[in-house]
Amino acid sequence: MDAVVKWVDARERLPRDGMPVAAATSGRYPPDRTAEPDPMAGQEFWVVLPMHFTTRHIGEDGTEYRDCFVDSDGVVRLPYGRPCAEPVTHWAELPALPCMTVHHMVGEHARTALEGALG
């Protein structure tokens, strides 16, 4: 099964509210302050992570964010060009489920679809 990925520049357009996405984020690994040196410490990175986009998010500390990307750990990242240590440069829609045209299934339909895809 193949999937075509169309990347969107986060400076040009943002996803719909609540949309799960693959997000390309950039930043720099923190300097290593441990006894064993980490070869990636202090290095710049650009990596793809699963996130969801939201027009309004309240962080654990009560901070309100608008038009942001949030990962599964609750880390908030802003679109490139806004002040953020790890901004999102590009985003892409996640591929559909195998053998499907949708991104999620719920309830009994999920079990039936999964059984069908696994044969």
C-alpha atoms as a PDB file:
ATOM      1  CA  MET A   1       0.000   0.000   0.000  1.00  0.00           C
ATOM      2  CA  ASP A   2       1.372   3.390  -1.001  1.00  0.00           C
ATOM      3  CA  ALA A   3       0.391   6.832   0.220  1.00  0.00           C
ATOM      4  CA  VAL A   4       0.980  10.142  -1.506  1.00  0.00           C
ATOM      5  CA  VAL A   5       2.030  12.957   0.809  1.00  0.00           C
ATOM      6  CA  LYS A   6       1.317  16.557  -0.110  1.00  0.00           C
ATOM      7  CA  TRP A   7       3.202  18.915   2.186  1.00  0.00           C
ATOM      8  CA  VAL A   8       1.701  22.326   2.933  1.00  0.00           C
ATOM      9  CA  ASP A   9       3.862  25.277   4.015  1.00  0.00           C
ATOM     10  CA  ALA A  10       2.579  26.289   7.475  1.00  0.00           C
ATOM     11  CA  ARG A  11       3.207  29.949   6.597  1.00  0.00           C
ATOM     12  CA  GLU A  12       0.709  29.725   3.727  1.00  0.00           C
ATOM     13  CA  ARG A  13      -2.176  27.648   5.086  1.00  0.00           C
ATOM     14  CA  LEU A  14      -3.164  25.844   8.283  1.00  0.00           C
ATOM     15  CA  PRO A  15      -5.177  22.632   8.738  1.00  0.00           C
ATOM     16  CA  ARG A  16      -8.801  22.456   9.869  1.00  0.00           C
ATOM     17  CA  ASP A  17      -9.485  22.592  13.601  1.00  0.00           C
ATOM     18  CA  GLY A  18      -9.019  19.163  15.196  1.00  0.00           C
ATOM     19  CA  MET A  19      -7.279  17.662  12.152  1.00  0.00           C
ATOM     20  CA  PRO A  20      -4.621  14.990  12.829  1.00  0.00           C
ATOM     21  CA  VAL A  21      -1.514  15.721  10.769  1.00  0.00           C
ATOM     22  CA  ALA A  22       2.076  14.792  10.138  1.00  0.00           C
ATOM     23  CA  ALA A  23       4.010  17.925  11.096  1.00  0.00           C
ATOM     24  CA  ALA A  24       7.587  18.777  10.134  1.00  0.00           C
ATOM     25  CA  THR A  25       9.114  20.645  13.056  1.00  0.00           C
ATOM     26  CA  SER A  26      12.567  22.159  13.391  1.00  0.00           C
ATOM     27  CA  GLY A  27      14.714  23.118  16.344  1.00  0.00           C
ATOM     28  CA  ARG A  28      17.890  22.295  18.195  1.00  0.00           C
ATOM     29  CA  TYR A  29      18.511  19.473  20.642  1.00  0.00           C
ATOM     30  CA  PRO A  30      19.454  20.883  24.060  1.00  0.00           C
ATOM     31  CA  PRO A  31      23.131  20.789  25.046  1.00  0.00           C
ATOM     32  CA  ASP A  32      24.095  17.591  26.860  1.00  0.00           C
ATOM     33  CA  ARG A  33      24.804  18.200  30.533  1.00  0.00           C
ATOM     34  CA  THR A  34      25.219  14.518  31.478  1.00  0.00           C
ATOM     35  CA  ALA A  35      28.413  12.572  32.081  1.00  0.00           C
ATOM     36  CA  GLU A  36      28.057  10.656  28.798  1.00  0.00           C
ATOM     37  CA  PRO A  37      28.158  12.945  25.756  1.00  0.00           C
ATOM     38  CA  ASP A  38      25.200  12.685  23.388  1.00  0.00           C
ATOM     39  CA  PRO A  39      26.277  13.014  19.721  1.00  0.00           C
ATOM     40  CA  MET A  40      22.991  14.792  18.885  1.00  0.00           C
ATOM     41  CA  ALA A  41      23.242  17.339  21.723  1.00  0.00           C
ATOM     42  CA  GLY A  42      23.277  20.876  20.392  1.00  0.00           C
ATOM     43  CA  GLN A  43      22.546  19.710  16.832  1.00  0.00           C
ATOM     44  CA  GLU A  44      19.821  21.279  14.696  1.00  0.00           C
ATOM     45  CA  PHE A  45      16.989  18.962  13.653  1.00  0.00           C
ATOM     46  CA  TRP A  46      14.047  18.813  11.266  1.00  0.00           C
ATOM     47  CA  VAL A  47      11.743  15.878  11.980  1.00  0.00           C
ATOM     48  CA  VAL A  48       8.216  14.666  11.186  1.00  0.00           C
ATOM     49  CA  LEU A  49       5.929  13.992  14.172  1.00  0.00           C
ATOM     50  CA  PRO A  50       2.244  13.072  14.474  1.00  0.00           C
ATOM     51  CA  MET A  51       0.226  15.965  15.902  1.00  0.00           C
ATOM     52  CA  HIS A  52      -3.197  17.508  15.751  1.00  0.00           C
ATOM     53  CA  PHE A  53      -4.026  21.081  14.878  1.00  0.00           C
ATOM     54  CA  THR A  54      -6.321  23.193  16.994  1.00  0.00           C
ATOM     55  CA  THR A  55      -7.522  26.784  16.814  1.00  0.00           C
ATOM     56  CA  ARG A  56      -7.555  27.021  20.640  1.00  0.00           C
ATOM     57  CA  HIS A  57      -5.564  25.036  23.195  1.00  0.00           C
ATOM     58  CA  ILE A  58      -5.106  25.562  26.938  1.00  0.00           C
ATOM     59  CA  GLY A  59      -1.699  24.297  28.085  1.00  0.00           C
ATOM     60  CA  GLU A  60      -1.097  22.466  31.365  1.00  0.00           C
ATOM     61  CA  ASP A  61       0.136  25.737  32.883  1.00  0.00           C
ATOM     62  CA  GLY A  62      -3.063  27.550  31.842  1.00  0.00           C
ATOM     63  CA  THR A  63      -1.510  29.365  28.870  1.00  0.00           C
ATOM     64  CA  GLU A  64      -3.945  29.820  25.983  1.00  0.00           C
ATOM     65  CA  TYR A  65      -2.610  29.106  22.492  1.00  0.00           C
ATOM     66  CA  ARG A  66      -4.294  29.943  19.193  1.00  0.00           C
ATOM     67  CA  ASP A  67      -3.737  28.160  15.866  1.00  0.00           C
ATOM     68  CA  CYS A  68      -1.222  25.623  17.144  1.00  0.00           C
ATOM     69  CA  PHE A  69      -0.062  22.037  16.690  1.00  0.00           C
ATOM     70  CA  VAL A  70      -0.116  19.713  19.726  1.00  0.00           C
ATOM     71  CA  ASP A  71       1.631  16.337  19.991  1.00  0.00           C
ATOM     72  CA  SER A  72       0.550  13.313  22.041  1.00  0.00           C
ATOM     73  CA  ASP A  73       2.625  14.509  25.017  1.00  0.00           C
ATOM     74  CA  GLY A  74       0.822  17.862  25.025  1.00  0.00           C
ATOM     75  CA  VAL A  75       3.809  19.773  23.631  1.00  0.00           C
ATOM     76  CA  VAL A  76       2.561  22.847  21.765  1.00  0.00           C
ATOM     77  CA  ARG A  77       4.290  23.973  18.590  1.00  0.00           C
ATOM     78  CA  LEU A  78       3.409  27.075  16.597  1.00  0.00           C
ATOM     79  CA  PRO A  79       3.487  27.624  12.842  1.00  0.00           C
ATOM     80  CA  TYR A  80       6.857  28.772  11.474  1.00  0.00           C
ATOM     81  CA  GLY A  81       7.325  32.526  11.838  1.00  0.00           C
ATOM     82  CA  ARG A  82       5.745  32.766  15.293  1.00  0.00           C
ATOM     83  CA  PRO A  83       7.959  32.687  18.410  1.00  0.00           C
ATOM     84  CA  CYS A  84       8.523  29.008  19.233  1.00  0.00           C
ATOM     85  CA  ALA A  85      11.572  26.835  20.039  1.00  0.00           C
ATOM     86  CA  GLU A  86      10.349  24.062  17.685  1.00  0.00           C
ATOM     87  CA  PRO A  87       8.110  25.636  15.020  1.00  0.00           C
ATOM     88  CA  VAL A  88       6.130  23.609  12.493  1.00  0.00           C
ATOM     89  CA  THR A  89       7.440  24.369   9.007  1.00  0.00           C
ATOM     90  CA  HIS A  90       5.108  22.117   7.004  1.00  0.00           C
ATOM     91  CA  TRP A  91       2.168  19.792   7.599  1.00  0.00           C
ATOM     92  CA  ALA A  92       0.432  17.007   5.686  1.00  0.00           C
ATOM     93  CA  GLU A  93      -2.813  15.114   6.063  1.00  0.00           C
ATOM     94  CA  LEU A  94      -2.311  11.640   7.477  1.00  0.00           C
ATOM     95  CA  PRO A  95      -2.982   8.818   5.024  1.00  0.00           C
ATOM     96  CA  ALA A  96      -6.313   7.008   5.142  1.00  0.00           C
ATOM     97  CA  LEU A  97      -6.625   3.689   6.942  1.00  0.00           C
ATOM     98  CA  PRO A  98      -5.511   0.655   4.895  1.00  0.00           C
ATOM     99  CA  CYS A  99      -8.116  -0.282   2.277  1.00  0.00           C
ATOM    100  CA  MET A 100     -10.235   2.741   3.319  1.00  0.00           C
ATOM    101  CA  THR A 101     -10.838   6.347   2.312  1.00  0.00           C
ATOM    102  CA  VAL A 102     -11.270   7.617   5.906  1.00  0.00           C
ATOM    103  CA  HIS A 103      -8.782   8.372   8.683  1.00  0.00           C
ATOM    104  CA  HIS A 104     -10.676   6.825  11.591  1.00  0.00           C
ATOM    105  CA  MET A 105     -13.404   4.326  12.429  1.00  0.00           C
ATOM    106  CA  VAL A 106     -15.298   4.009  15.720  1.00  0.00           C
ATOM    107  CA  GLY A 107     -17.263   1.224  17.369  1.00  0.00           C
ATOM    108  CA  GLU A 108     -18.372  -1.961  15.617  1.00  0.00           C
ATOM    109  CA  HIS A 109     -17.518  -0.435  12.224  1.00  0.00           C
ATOM    110  CA  ALA A 110     -13.867  -0.275  13.330  1.00  0.00           C
ATOM    111  CA  ARG A 111     -13.739  -3.987  14.161  1.00  0.00           C
ATOM    112  CA  THR A 112     -15.429  -4.939  10.882  1.00  0.00           C
ATOM    113  CA  ALA A 113     -13.079  -2.712   8.841  1.00  0.00           C
ATOM    114  CA  LEU A 114      -9.989  -4.031  10.650  1.00  0.00           C
ATOM    115  CA  GLU A 115     -11.029  -7.663  10.123  1.00  0.00           C
ATOM    116  CA  GLY A 116     -11.636  -6.920   6.439  1.00  0.00           C
ATOM    117  CA  ALA A 117      -8.228  -5.276   6.010  1.00  0.00           C
ATOM    118  CA  LEU A 118      -6.417  -8.109   7.784  1.00  0.00           C
ATOM    119  CA  GLY A 119      -8.273 -10.741   5.773  1.00  0.00           C
END
